[in-house]
Amino acid sequence: MRFVALAAVLAWSVLAYSDVASSQTAEDAFGLWLDPGNGGHIEVAKCEDKLCAKVAFVPDNDGPDGPKIDKNNPDEKKKSQPVLGLAIIENAFKAGDKSWQGSIYNPVDGKTYSATLTVKDPDTIDLKGCIMTVLCRTQSWTRVKK
């Protein structure tokens, strides 16, 4: 009897979780996210009918050399701009029920990549960045709890 009750609870849990995961939409990408690569926070927002994102927090930004700057930007005029507040995604368009497509600027290397942002669940989005659509890397961002 205990086994049947446990099996029923487990089955209900799986069904309840799949309902939550399947109810996600592309708009669930909006919010504040942790970039696990550097510990920074990225604010993803709706900009008219598109998606945009900017750097909202930079770890160790108040170091002895002052705020971090976009020193690797290929545009000489932008190399002194602060990384904090920097727009890294602009004009991404809705590419599906749970995804956005566009490009992402990486201030670490000063390069821009094609990108797909996909909502996985209420607290996780996957960011896939590609060079020439064949060399890709996916990183999972988790929602920052306020």
N, C-alpha and C. Protein backbone atom coordinates (compact mmCIF):
# COMPACT_ATOMS: atom_id res chain seq x y z
N MET A 1 0.81 -1.18 0.00
CA MET A 1 0.00 0.00 0.00
C MET A 1 0.86 1.26 0.00
N ARG A 2 1.97 1.24 0.80
CA ARG A 2 2.85 2.40 0.84
C ARG A 2 3.48 2.64 -0.53
N PHE A 3 3.84 1.55 -1.23
CA PHE A 3 4.47 1.68 -2.54
C PHE A 3 3.51 2.35 -3.53
N VAL A 4 2.24 1.95 -3.50
CA VAL A 4 1.25 2.54 -4.40
C VAL A 4 1.08 4.03 -4.10
N ALA A 5 1.03 4.38 -2.82
CA ALA A 5 0.89 5.79 -2.44
C ALA A 5 2.11 6.59 -2.88
N LEU A 6 3.31 6.02 -2.67
CA LEU A 6 4.53 6.69 -3.08
C LEU A 6 4.57 6.86 -4.60
N ALA A 7 4.20 5.82 -5.33
CA ALA A 7 4.18 5.90 -6.80
C ALA A 7 3.20 6.97 -7.27
N ALA A 8 2.05 7.06 -6.61
CA ALA A 8 1.05 8.07 -6.99
C ALA A 8 1.58 9.48 -6.74
N VAL A 9 2.25 9.68 -5.61
CA VAL A 9 2.82 10.99 -5.30
C VAL A 9 3.90 11.35 -6.31
N LEU A 10 4.77 10.40 -6.63
CA LEU A 10 5.83 10.65 -7.62
C LEU A 10 5.24 10.97 -8.99
N ALA A 11 4.25 10.22 -9.41
CA ALA A 11 3.62 10.47 -10.71
C ALA A 11 2.97 11.85 -10.74
N TRP A 12 2.29 12.23 -9.65
CA TRP A 12 1.67 13.54 -9.59
C TRP A 12 2.73 14.64 -9.65
N SER A 13 3.87 14.44 -8.96
CA SER A 13 4.95 15.43 -8.97
C SER A 13 5.50 15.63 -10.36
N VAL A 14 5.72 14.56 -11.09
CA VAL A 14 6.25 14.63 -12.45
C VAL A 14 5.25 15.36 -13.35
N LEU A 15 3.98 15.01 -13.24
CA LEU A 15 2.95 15.67 -14.05
C LEU A 15 2.83 17.14 -13.70
N ALA A 16 2.89 17.48 -12.43
CA ALA A 16 2.79 18.88 -12.03
C ALA A 16 3.98 19.67 -12.55
N TYR A 17 5.19 19.09 -12.48
CA TYR A 17 6.38 19.78 -12.98
C TYR A 17 6.30 19.94 -14.49
N SER A 18 5.85 18.93 -15.21
CA SER A 18 5.78 19.04 -16.67
C SER A 18 4.74 20.08 -17.07
N ASP A 19 3.68 20.25 -16.28
CA ASP A 19 2.70 21.30 -16.55
C ASP A 19 3.34 22.68 -16.42
N VAL A 20 4.15 22.87 -15.36
CA VAL A 20 4.82 24.15 -15.15
C VAL A 20 5.80 24.41 -16.29
N ALA A 21 6.61 23.41 -16.64
CA ALA A 21 7.61 23.58 -17.70
C ALA A 21 6.95 23.85 -19.04
N SER A 22 5.84 23.17 -19.32
CA SER A 22 5.21 23.34 -20.63
C SER A 22 4.45 24.66 -20.73
N SER A 23 4.15 25.28 -19.58
CA SER A 23 3.40 26.52 -19.62
C SER A 23 4.31 27.74 -19.79
N GLN A 24 5.60 27.55 -19.90
CA GLN A 24 6.53 28.66 -20.07
C GLN A 24 6.35 29.29 -21.44
N THR A 25 6.59 30.59 -21.50
CA THR A 25 6.51 31.32 -22.76
C THR A 25 7.80 32.11 -22.95
N ALA A 26 7.98 32.63 -24.15
CA ALA A 26 9.17 33.44 -24.44
C ALA A 26 9.25 34.65 -23.51
N GLU A 27 8.10 35.19 -23.11
CA GLU A 27 8.08 36.36 -22.24
C GLU A 27 8.62 36.06 -20.85
N ASP A 28 8.69 34.79 -20.46
CA ASP A 28 9.25 34.43 -19.17
C ASP A 28 10.76 34.68 -19.11
N ALA A 29 11.35 35.07 -20.23
CA ALA A 29 12.78 35.39 -20.25
C ALA A 29 13.06 36.74 -19.60
N PHE A 30 12.04 37.57 -19.45
CA PHE A 30 12.25 38.89 -18.88
C PHE A 30 12.53 38.77 -17.40
N GLY A 31 13.53 39.50 -16.94
CA GLY A 31 13.89 39.47 -15.53
C GLY A 31 15.38 39.63 -15.34
N LEU A 32 15.85 39.34 -14.14
CA LEU A 32 17.26 39.48 -13.78
C LEU A 32 17.87 38.09 -13.68
N TRP A 33 19.01 37.88 -14.37
CA TRP A 33 19.61 36.56 -14.51
C TRP A 33 21.08 36.57 -14.09
N LEU A 34 21.51 35.45 -13.52
CA LEU A 34 22.91 35.26 -13.12
C LEU A 34 23.67 34.62 -14.27
N ASP A 35 24.75 35.27 -14.69
CA ASP A 35 25.66 34.71 -15.70
C ASP A 35 26.68 33.87 -14.94
N PRO A 36 26.63 32.54 -15.06
CA PRO A 36 27.53 31.69 -14.27
C PRO A 36 28.99 31.81 -14.73
N GLY A 37 29.21 32.35 -15.90
CA GLY A 37 30.58 32.48 -16.41
C GLY A 37 31.40 33.49 -15.63
N ASN A 38 30.74 34.57 -15.15
CA ASN A 38 31.50 35.60 -14.46
C ASN A 38 30.82 36.10 -13.18
N GLY A 39 29.65 35.56 -12.86
CA GLY A 39 28.93 35.97 -11.65
C GLY A 39 28.18 37.28 -11.80
N GLY A 40 28.16 37.82 -13.01
CA GLY A 40 27.44 39.07 -13.25
C GLY A 40 25.95 38.84 -13.35
N HIS A 41 25.20 39.93 -13.32
CA HIS A 41 23.75 39.87 -13.49
C HIS A 41 23.39 40.56 -14.78
N ILE A 42 22.47 39.96 -15.51
CA ILE A 42 22.00 40.49 -16.77
C ILE A 42 20.51 40.76 -16.65
N GLU A 43 20.11 41.99 -16.97
CA GLU A 43 18.69 42.35 -16.95
C GLU A 43 18.13 42.20 -18.36
N VAL A 44 17.19 41.27 -18.49
CA VAL A 44 16.54 41.02 -19.78
C VAL A 44 15.17 41.69 -19.74
N ALA A 45 14.88 42.49 -20.74
CA ALA A 45 13.64 43.26 -20.74
C ALA A 45 12.99 43.27 -22.11
N LYS A 46 11.74 43.70 -22.14
CA LYS A 46 11.03 43.88 -23.40
C LYS A 46 11.30 45.31 -23.86
N CYS A 47 11.73 45.46 -25.08
CA CYS A 47 11.99 46.76 -25.68
C CYS A 47 11.12 46.85 -26.92
N GLU A 48 9.96 47.51 -26.75
CA GLU A 48 8.89 47.52 -27.75
C GLU A 48 8.43 46.08 -27.95
N ASP A 49 8.53 45.52 -29.15
CA ASP A 49 8.11 44.13 -29.35
C ASP A 49 9.30 43.19 -29.43
N LYS A 50 10.47 43.65 -29.02
CA LYS A 50 11.70 42.86 -29.08
C LYS A 50 12.23 42.61 -27.68
N LEU A 51 13.34 41.88 -27.60
CA LEU A 51 14.01 41.61 -26.34
C LEU A 51 15.34 42.34 -26.35
N CYS A 52 15.70 42.90 -25.21
CA CYS A 52 17.01 43.53 -25.06
C CYS A 52 17.57 43.11 -23.69
N ALA A 53 18.86 43.29 -23.52
CA ALA A 53 19.49 42.92 -22.25
C ALA A 53 20.68 43.83 -22.00
N LYS A 54 20.90 44.11 -20.71
CA LYS A 54 22.06 44.91 -20.34
C LYS A 54 22.70 44.33 -19.08
N VAL A 55 23.95 44.70 -18.87
CA VAL A 55 24.69 44.26 -17.69
C VAL A 55 24.18 45.07 -16.50
N ALA A 56 23.66 44.37 -15.48
CA ALA A 56 23.06 45.03 -14.32
C ALA A 56 23.94 44.97 -13.08
N PHE A 57 24.91 44.05 -13.07
CA PHE A 57 25.82 43.92 -11.93
C PHE A 57 27.12 43.33 -12.44
N VAL A 58 28.23 43.92 -12.00
CA VAL A 58 29.57 43.44 -12.37
C VAL A 58 30.31 43.11 -11.09
N PRO A 59 30.70 41.83 -10.89
CA PRO A 59 31.45 41.49 -9.68
C PRO A 59 32.78 42.26 -9.63
N ASP A 60 33.17 42.67 -8.45
CA ASP A 60 34.44 43.38 -8.24
C ASP A 60 34.58 44.60 -9.13
N ASN A 61 33.48 45.30 -9.36
CA ASN A 61 33.51 46.47 -10.25
C ASN A 61 34.22 47.66 -9.60
N ASP A 62 34.33 47.66 -8.28
CA ASP A 62 34.97 48.77 -7.58
C ASP A 62 36.38 48.40 -7.16
N GLY A 63 37.13 47.81 -8.07
CA GLY A 63 38.50 47.41 -7.79
C GLY A 63 39.44 48.60 -7.73
N PRO A 64 40.70 48.34 -7.47
CA PRO A 64 41.68 49.42 -7.34
C PRO A 64 41.88 50.22 -8.63
N ASP A 65 41.56 49.62 -9.78
CA ASP A 65 41.70 50.32 -11.06
C ASP A 65 40.43 51.05 -11.48
N GLY A 66 39.43 51.08 -10.59
CA GLY A 66 38.17 51.74 -10.91
C GLY A 66 37.20 50.78 -11.57
N PRO A 67 36.04 51.28 -12.02
CA PRO A 67 35.03 50.42 -12.65
C PRO A 67 35.57 49.74 -13.92
N LYS A 68 35.08 48.53 -14.16
CA LYS A 68 35.49 47.79 -15.35
C LYS A 68 34.95 48.49 -16.59
N ILE A 69 35.79 48.53 -17.61
CA ILE A 69 35.43 49.19 -18.86
C ILE A 69 35.45 48.18 -20.00
N ASP A 70 34.86 48.56 -21.11
CA ASP A 70 34.72 47.70 -22.29
C ASP A 70 36.00 47.77 -23.14
N LYS A 71 37.14 47.46 -22.52
CA LYS A 71 38.45 47.65 -23.14
C LYS A 71 38.70 46.80 -24.39
N ASN A 72 37.93 45.73 -24.59
CA ASN A 72 38.13 44.87 -25.76
C ASN A 72 37.20 45.21 -26.92
N ASN A 73 36.44 46.28 -26.79
CA ASN A 73 35.52 46.67 -27.86
C ASN A 73 36.32 47.02 -29.11
N PRO A 74 35.92 46.51 -30.27
CA PRO A 74 36.65 46.83 -31.50
C PRO A 74 36.52 48.30 -31.92
N ASP A 75 35.52 49.00 -31.41
CA ASP A 75 35.34 50.42 -31.70
C ASP A 75 36.15 51.22 -30.68
N GLU A 76 37.19 51.88 -31.14
CA GLU A 76 38.07 52.65 -30.26
C GLU A 76 37.31 53.62 -29.37
N LYS A 77 36.25 54.22 -29.89
CA LYS A 77 35.49 55.22 -29.13
C LYS A 77 34.73 54.60 -27.96
N LYS A 78 34.50 53.29 -28.01
CA LYS A 78 33.72 52.63 -26.96
C LYS A 78 34.58 51.91 -25.92
N LYS A 79 35.87 51.87 -26.11
CA LYS A 79 36.75 51.12 -25.20
C LYS A 79 36.76 51.65 -23.77
N SER A 80 36.36 52.89 -23.57
CA SER A 80 36.37 53.46 -22.22
C SER A 80 34.99 53.45 -21.56
N GLN A 81 33.97 52.92 -22.27
CA GLN A 81 32.63 52.91 -21.67
C GLN A 81 32.56 51.85 -20.56
N PRO A 82 31.81 52.14 -19.50
CA PRO A 82 31.71 51.16 -18.40
C PRO A 82 30.94 49.91 -18.85
N VAL A 83 31.33 48.78 -18.29
CA VAL A 83 30.61 47.53 -18.57
C VAL A 83 29.26 47.53 -17.88
N LEU A 84 29.20 48.11 -16.67
CA LEU A 84 27.94 48.20 -15.95
C LEU A 84 26.97 49.06 -16.76
N GLY A 85 25.81 48.51 -17.08
CA GLY A 85 24.80 49.21 -17.87
C GLY A 85 24.94 48.99 -19.37
N LEU A 86 25.97 48.28 -19.78
CA LEU A 86 26.23 48.04 -21.20
C LEU A 86 25.15 47.17 -21.83
N ALA A 87 24.61 47.62 -22.96
CA ALA A 87 23.63 46.81 -23.72
C ALA A 87 24.38 45.68 -24.41
N ILE A 88 23.98 44.44 -24.12
CA ILE A 88 24.65 43.30 -24.76
C ILE A 88 23.74 42.59 -25.76
N ILE A 89 22.42 42.76 -25.62
CA ILE A 89 21.47 42.22 -26.60
C ILE A 89 20.51 43.35 -26.94
N GLU A 90 20.30 43.56 -28.24
CA GLU A 90 19.34 44.55 -28.71
C GLU A 90 18.58 43.96 -29.89
N ASN A 91 17.31 44.28 -29.96
CA ASN A 91 16.48 43.89 -31.12
C ASN A 91 16.37 42.39 -31.38
N ALA A 92 16.42 41.57 -30.33
CA ALA A 92 16.20 40.14 -30.52
C ALA A 92 14.71 39.93 -30.78
N PHE A 93 14.40 39.08 -31.73
CA PHE A 93 13.00 38.85 -32.08
C PHE A 93 12.53 37.49 -31.58
N LYS A 94 11.23 37.40 -31.37
CA LYS A 94 10.62 36.16 -30.89
C LYS A 94 10.76 35.11 -31.99
N ALA A 95 11.37 33.99 -31.65
CA ALA A 95 11.65 32.95 -32.63
C ALA A 95 10.83 31.69 -32.43
N GLY A 96 10.02 31.66 -31.40
CA GLY A 96 9.21 30.50 -31.10
C GLY A 96 8.44 30.74 -29.82
N ASP A 97 7.71 29.73 -29.38
CA ASP A 97 6.89 29.86 -28.17
C ASP A 97 7.72 30.16 -26.93
N LYS A 98 8.98 29.69 -26.92
CA LYS A 98 9.82 29.85 -25.74
C LYS A 98 11.18 30.44 -26.05
N SER A 99 11.35 31.06 -27.22
CA SER A 99 12.70 31.50 -27.57
C SER A 99 12.75 32.85 -28.29
N TRP A 100 13.93 33.44 -28.24
CA TRP A 100 14.25 34.71 -28.89
C TRP A 100 15.53 34.51 -29.68
N GLN A 101 15.67 35.23 -30.77
CA GLN A 101 16.86 35.12 -31.59
C GLN A 101 17.40 36.50 -31.92
N GLY A 102 18.71 36.62 -31.93
CA GLY A 102 19.34 37.89 -32.25
C GLY A 102 20.84 37.75 -32.16
N SER A 103 21.48 38.75 -31.60
CA SER A 103 22.93 38.68 -31.42
C SER A 103 23.26 39.18 -30.02
N ILE A 104 24.42 38.73 -29.52
CA ILE A 104 24.87 39.13 -28.19
C ILE A 104 26.30 39.60 -28.28
N TYR A 105 26.56 40.71 -27.62
CA TYR A 105 27.90 41.26 -27.54
C TYR A 105 28.56 40.75 -26.27
N ASN A 106 29.79 40.26 -26.37
CA ASN A 106 30.53 39.75 -25.23
C ASN A 106 31.65 40.73 -24.89
N PRO A 107 31.52 41.51 -23.81
CA PRO A 107 32.56 42.47 -23.49
C PRO A 107 33.88 41.83 -23.07
N VAL A 108 33.87 40.55 -22.73
CA VAL A 108 35.10 39.87 -22.34
C VAL A 108 36.07 39.78 -23.52
N ASP A 109 35.53 39.46 -24.72
CA ASP A 109 36.41 39.36 -25.89
C ASP A 109 36.12 40.41 -26.97
N GLY A 110 35.10 41.25 -26.74
CA GLY A 110 34.79 42.31 -27.69
C GLY A 110 34.15 41.83 -28.98
N LYS A 111 33.59 40.62 -28.95
CA LYS A 111 32.98 40.06 -30.16
C LYS A 111 31.48 39.94 -30.02
N THR A 112 30.81 39.92 -31.17
CA THR A 112 29.36 39.75 -31.22
C THR A 112 29.06 38.41 -31.86
N TYR A 113 28.13 37.68 -31.25
CA TYR A 113 27.78 36.33 -31.69
C TYR A 113 26.29 36.25 -32.00
N SER A 114 25.92 35.35 -32.91
CA SER A 114 24.49 35.08 -33.08
C SER A 114 24.04 34.35 -31.82
N ALA A 115 22.81 34.59 -31.40
CA ALA A 115 22.37 34.04 -30.12
C ALA A 115 20.92 33.61 -30.17
N THR A 116 20.64 32.56 -29.41
CA THR A 116 19.27 32.12 -29.18
C THR A 116 19.10 32.00 -27.68
N LEU A 117 18.06 32.61 -27.16
CA LEU A 117 17.75 32.56 -25.75
C LEU A 117 16.46 31.76 -25.60
N THR A 118 16.51 30.67 -24.85
CA THR A 118 15.37 29.77 -24.71
C THR A 118 14.97 29.60 -23.25
N VAL A 119 13.70 29.78 -22.95
CA VAL A 119 13.19 29.59 -21.60
C VAL A 119 13.06 28.09 -21.36
N LYS A 120 13.73 27.61 -20.32
CA LYS A 120 13.68 26.18 -19.97
C LYS A 120 12.62 25.92 -18.90
N ASP A 121 12.60 26.76 -17.87
CA ASP A 121 11.63 26.66 -16.79
C ASP A 121 11.55 28.03 -16.14
N PRO A 122 10.72 28.21 -15.12
CA PRO A 122 10.55 29.56 -14.56
C PRO A 122 11.85 30.23 -14.10
N ASP A 123 12.85 29.44 -13.75
CA ASP A 123 14.08 29.99 -13.20
C ASP A 123 15.33 29.70 -14.01
N THR A 124 15.18 29.24 -15.25
CA THR A 124 16.34 28.91 -16.08
C THR A 124 16.10 29.29 -17.53
N ILE A 125 17.09 29.96 -18.11
CA ILE A 125 17.09 30.18 -19.55
C ILE A 125 18.43 29.70 -20.09
N ASP A 126 18.40 29.19 -21.30
CA ASP A 126 19.62 28.77 -21.97
C ASP A 126 19.98 29.81 -23.01
N LEU A 127 21.22 30.23 -22.99
CA LEU A 127 21.73 31.16 -23.98
C LEU A 127 22.71 30.39 -24.85
N LYS A 128 22.41 30.31 -26.13
CA LYS A 128 23.27 29.62 -27.08
C LYS A 128 23.90 30.67 -27.99
N GLY A 129 25.21 30.78 -27.93
CA GLY A 129 25.93 31.72 -28.77
C GLY A 129 26.71 30.97 -29.83
N CYS A 130 26.71 31.47 -31.05
CA CYS A 130 27.35 30.75 -32.17
C CYS A 130 28.20 31.68 -33.02
N ILE A 131 29.25 31.10 -33.57
CA ILE A 131 30.05 31.73 -34.61
C ILE A 131 29.73 30.96 -35.88
N MET A 132 29.26 31.64 -36.89
CA MET A 132 28.93 31.03 -38.19
C MET A 132 27.99 29.83 -38.05
N THR A 133 27.13 29.84 -37.09
CA THR A 133 26.10 28.83 -36.80
C THR A 133 26.61 27.40 -36.63
N VAL A 134 27.92 27.19 -36.65
CA VAL A 134 28.43 25.83 -36.46
C VAL A 134 29.21 25.66 -35.17
N LEU A 135 29.87 26.69 -34.74
CA LEU A 135 30.62 26.63 -33.49
C LEU A 135 29.78 27.32 -32.42
N CYS A 136 29.12 26.51 -31.61
CA CYS A 136 28.17 27.05 -30.63
C CYS A 136 28.53 26.63 -29.22
N ARG A 137 28.10 27.45 -28.28
CA ARG A 137 28.26 27.14 -26.86
C ARG A 137 26.98 27.56 -26.16
N THR A 138 26.48 26.70 -25.28
CA THR A 138 25.26 27.00 -24.54
C THR A 138 25.60 27.18 -23.07
N GLN A 139 25.00 28.20 -22.48
CA GLN A 139 25.19 28.49 -21.07
C GLN A 139 23.81 28.67 -20.44
N SER A 140 23.61 28.07 -19.28
CA SER A 140 22.34 28.22 -18.57
C SER A 140 22.46 29.36 -17.56
N TRP A 141 21.49 30.27 -17.62
CA TRP A 141 21.40 31.37 -16.66
C TRP A 141 20.27 31.07 -15.70
N THR A 142 20.46 31.39 -14.43
CA THR A 142 19.41 31.18 -13.44
C THR A 142 18.89 32.53 -12.96
N ARG A 143 17.60 32.53 -12.64
CA ARG A 143 16.95 33.77 -12.22
C ARG A 143 17.53 34.23 -10.88
N VAL A 144 17.80 35.51 -10.77
CA VAL A 144 18.27 36.10 -9.53
C VAL A 144 17.03 36.40 -8.68
N LYS A 145 17.00 35.84 -7.49
CA LYS A 145 15.89 36.04 -6.56
C LYS A 145 16.11 37.34 -5.81
N LYS A 146 15.07 38.16 -5.79
CA LYS A 146 15.19 39.44 -5.05
C LYS A 146 14.69 39.28 -3.66
